[in-house]
Amino acid sequence: MGERQILADFPAGAPRGSWPAEERAAELRSQGQPATVVMDLDSDRFLVVVKTVAS
């Protein structure tokens, strides 16, 4: 199972209609990085992550 690298994080309490984590992930994907958004329930934050390959 691969590890994840956190590229950005955003508080879960963004204003209604605002999706900063999704916007950042889309920007990174357009640059060729396979970024996804996950929710970290412990910190109540959205994380923008990519899987890393263990070497």
Protein backbone atom coordinates (compact mmCIF):
# COMPACT_ATOMS: atom_id res chain seq x y z
CA MET A 1 0.00 0.00 0.00
CA GLY A 2 1.41 3.39 -1.00
CA GLU A 3 1.89 6.37 1.25
CA ARG A 4 0.23 9.74 0.70
CA GLN A 5 1.90 13.10 0.45
CA ILE A 6 -0.13 16.10 1.60
CA LEU A 7 0.20 18.96 -0.89
CA ALA A 8 -2.26 21.38 0.76
CA ASP A 9 -4.86 21.50 3.50
CA PHE A 10 -7.93 23.64 4.06
CA PRO A 11 -10.34 24.06 6.97
CA ALA A 12 -13.65 22.26 6.57
CA GLY A 13 -15.58 25.45 7.41
CA ALA A 14 -15.20 27.19 4.04
CA PRO A 15 -17.99 29.60 3.07
CA ARG A 16 -21.04 28.04 1.40
CA GLY A 17 -20.36 27.38 -2.28
CA SER A 18 -16.60 27.60 -1.82
CA TRP A 19 -14.51 24.48 -2.47
CA PRO A 20 -10.85 25.56 -2.09
CA ALA A 21 -9.47 22.03 -1.66
CA GLU A 22 -11.28 20.79 -4.79
CA GLU A 23 -10.11 23.85 -6.73
CA ARG A 24 -6.48 23.27 -5.68
CA ALA A 25 -6.68 19.58 -6.56
CA ALA A 26 -8.12 20.44 -10.00
CA GLU A 27 -5.28 22.91 -10.56
CA LEU A 28 -2.69 20.27 -9.67
CA ARG A 29 -4.39 17.68 -11.90
CA SER A 30 -4.25 20.14 -14.81
CA GLN A 31 -0.48 20.29 -14.19
CA GLY A 32 -0.20 16.49 -14.37
CA GLN A 33 -0.29 15.58 -10.67
CA PRO A 34 -2.92 12.97 -9.72
CA ALA A 35 -4.19 14.95 -6.72
CA THR A 36 -7.31 13.98 -4.79
CA VAL A 37 -9.13 15.43 -1.80
CA VAL A 38 -9.70 13.52 1.43
CA MET A 39 -11.28 14.56 4.71
CA ASP A 40 -9.20 14.32 7.88
CA LEU A 41 -11.89 13.92 10.53
CA ASP A 42 -9.45 14.29 13.44
CA SER A 43 -8.35 17.78 12.35
CA ASP A 44 -11.63 18.74 10.57
CA ARG A 45 -9.69 19.66 7.43
CA PHE A 46 -9.73 18.73 3.76
CA LEU A 47 -6.36 17.46 2.52
CA VAL A 48 -5.12 17.58 -1.06
CA VAL A 49 -2.99 14.45 -1.46
CA VAL A 50 -1.11 12.34 -4.01
CA LYS A 51 -0.08 8.74 -3.57
CA THR A 52 3.66 8.22 -3.38
CA VAL A 53 5.54 5.10 -4.41
CA ALA A 54 7.64 3.51 -1.68
CA SER A 55 11.26 3.09 -2.77
